[in-house]
Amino acid sequence: MIRDVLAVITGFIIGNIAIMSLHYVGMIFYPLPEGINISDIIAIAEYVKIAPLGALLMVMFAHLGGTFLAGLSTALVSKNINTAYIVGGFFTLAGIYNLYVLPSPWWFNIEAILYLPAAIYGFRLIVKRN
């Protein structure tokens, strides 16, 4: 039980760090326009409307890659797959909220159904090796 709780906490932490890190890597290839602060939600919402396809794909990669790493990290702490379901569910809900807050192209909504599989796949990759 304690390992499961630690696995979920580890998944949350690793997943969030990975998502933010991958966002910053994406900004190397697709920098934000001059004067936009990443913490200014209104400015980011306006930028998303005109962002190039590559920048949006990098954002999707960051979200799904971070969720994959979160699932992977839960498996390193606990072998209970429920931890991956919890972490994947958390990132799914966070992603749906993000889609609600920031206007996105219609095709970007596909990521909402990919969070949970990404976490489960990361979990299973580790568990099958042990």
Protein backbone atom coordinates (compact mmCIF):
# COMPACT_ATOMS: atom_id res chain seq x y z
CA MET A 1 0.00 0.00 0.00
CA ILE A 2 2.77 2.44 0.93
CA ARG A 3 4.66 1.54 -2.26
CA ASP A 4 1.53 2.21 -4.29
CA VAL A 5 1.06 5.66 -2.77
CA LEU A 6 4.75 6.44 -3.33
CA ALA A 7 4.45 5.20 -6.91
CA VAL A 8 1.54 7.55 -7.62
CA ILE A 9 3.36 10.50 -6.05
CA THR A 10 6.50 9.63 -8.01
CA GLY A 11 4.45 9.39 -11.20
CA PHE A 12 2.92 12.82 -10.62
CA ILE A 13 6.29 14.41 -9.96
CA ILE A 14 8.21 12.70 -12.78
CA GLY A 15 5.36 13.26 -15.23
CA ASN A 16 5.11 16.98 -14.50
CA ILE A 17 8.86 17.48 -14.64
CA ALA A 18 9.01 15.58 -17.93
CA ILE A 19 6.14 17.54 -19.46
CA MET A 20 7.69 20.89 -18.55
CA SER A 21 11.12 19.77 -19.72
CA LEU A 22 9.74 18.56 -23.03
CA HIS A 23 7.85 21.85 -23.42
CA TYR A 24 11.12 23.73 -23.04
CA VAL A 25 12.83 21.43 -25.56
CA GLY A 26 9.98 22.15 -27.96
CA MET A 27 10.51 25.88 -27.47
CA ILE A 28 14.06 25.46 -28.73
CA PHE A 29 12.65 24.38 -32.09
CA TYR A 30 9.58 26.61 -31.97
CA PRO A 31 10.30 29.60 -29.72
CA LEU A 32 7.45 31.66 -28.42
CA PRO A 33 7.01 35.04 -30.12
CA GLU A 34 8.88 37.95 -28.58
CA GLY A 35 7.24 39.27 -25.44
CA ILE A 36 5.09 36.22 -24.59
CA ASN A 37 5.52 34.89 -21.08
CA ILE A 38 4.79 31.18 -20.65
CA SER A 39 2.85 31.90 -17.45
CA ASP A 40 0.50 34.38 -19.19
CA ILE A 41 -2.46 32.15 -20.07
CA ILE A 42 -4.18 34.80 -22.19
CA ALA A 43 -1.10 35.36 -24.33
CA ILE A 44 -0.57 31.61 -24.71
CA ALA A 45 -4.24 31.20 -25.73
CA GLU A 46 -3.76 33.81 -28.46
CA TYR A 47 -0.54 32.16 -29.63
CA VAL A 48 -2.16 28.71 -29.87
CA LYS A 49 -4.56 30.13 -32.47
CA ILE A 50 -1.67 30.96 -34.82
CA ALA A 51 0.96 28.42 -33.73
CA PRO A 52 2.58 26.35 -36.46
CA LEU A 53 1.68 22.67 -36.76
CA GLY A 54 5.13 21.59 -35.56
CA ALA A 55 4.79 23.60 -32.35
CA LEU A 56 1.43 21.99 -31.59
CA LEU A 57 2.81 18.53 -32.32
CA MET A 58 5.70 19.24 -29.93
CA VAL A 59 3.18 20.20 -27.24
CA MET A 60 1.29 16.96 -27.82
CA PHE A 61 4.57 15.03 -27.68
CA ALA A 62 5.43 16.74 -24.38
CA HIS A 63 2.08 15.84 -22.82
CA LEU A 64 2.05 12.23 -23.97
CA GLY A 65 5.78 11.73 -23.40
CA GLY A 66 5.51 13.03 -19.85
CA THR A 67 2.55 10.76 -19.18
CA PHE A 68 4.48 7.80 -20.61
CA LEU A 69 7.41 8.58 -18.28
CA ALA A 70 4.99 8.93 -15.36
CA GLY A 71 3.63 5.44 -16.03
CA LEU A 72 7.15 4.12 -16.41
CA SER A 73 8.19 5.64 -13.08
CA THR A 74 5.20 4.15 -11.25
CA ALA A 75 6.32 0.69 -12.37
CA LEU A 76 9.78 1.29 -10.93
CA VAL A 77 8.26 1.86 -7.49
CA SER A 78 5.28 -0.51 -7.49
CA LYS A 79 4.19 -3.44 -9.64
CA ASN A 80 0.50 -2.62 -9.13
CA ILE A 81 -0.97 -1.48 -12.46
CA ASN A 82 -3.60 0.56 -10.61
CA THR A 83 -0.89 3.14 -9.96
CA ALA A 84 -0.53 3.66 -13.73
CA TYR A 85 -4.31 3.94 -14.07
CA ILE A 86 -4.41 6.62 -11.36
CA VAL A 87 -1.54 8.61 -12.85
CA GLY A 88 -2.89 8.21 -16.39
CA GLY A 89 -6.34 9.27 -15.21
CA PHE A 90 -4.89 12.32 -13.49
CA PHE A 91 -3.06 13.43 -16.62
CA THR A 92 -6.18 12.72 -18.71
CA LEU A 93 -8.25 15.02 -16.50
CA ALA A 94 -5.51 17.66 -16.53
CA GLY A 95 -5.31 17.40 -20.31
CA ILE A 96 -9.07 17.77 -20.71
CA TYR A 97 -8.97 20.84 -18.48
CA ASN A 98 -6.11 22.22 -20.58
CA LEU A 99 -8.14 21.65 -23.76
CA TYR A 100 -11.04 23.49 -22.14
CA VAL A 101 -8.93 26.47 -21.04
CA LEU A 102 -6.83 26.90 -24.18
CA PRO A 103 -8.44 27.02 -27.61
CA SER A 104 -6.96 24.28 -29.76
CA PRO A 105 -7.49 22.94 -33.25
CA TRP A 106 -10.14 20.21 -33.36
CA TRP A 107 -7.57 17.49 -34.11
CA PHE A 108 -5.63 18.33 -30.95
CA ASN A 109 -8.45 16.78 -28.88
CA ILE A 110 -7.16 13.31 -29.84
CA GLU A 111 -4.57 13.60 -27.09
CA ALA A 112 -7.32 13.33 -24.47
CA ILE A 113 -7.81 9.65 -25.29
CA LEU A 114 -4.08 8.91 -25.49
CA TYR A 115 -2.98 9.84 -21.96
CA LEU A 116 -4.16 6.66 -20.27
CA PRO A 117 -2.70 4.32 -22.91
CA ALA A 118 0.61 6.21 -22.69
CA ALA A 119 0.80 5.68 -18.92
CA ILE A 120 -0.18 2.01 -19.19
CA TYR A 121 2.32 1.38 -21.98
CA GLY A 122 5.11 2.95 -19.91
CA PHE A 123 4.12 0.83 -16.93
CA ARG A 124 3.99 -2.41 -18.91
CA LEU A 125 7.35 -1.77 -20.55
CA ILE A 126 9.03 -1.91 -17.14
CA VAL A 127 6.93 -4.68 -15.59
CA LYS A 128 7.50 -7.07 -18.52
CA ARG A 129 11.25 -6.66 -18.22
CA ASN A 130 11.32 -7.71 -14.56
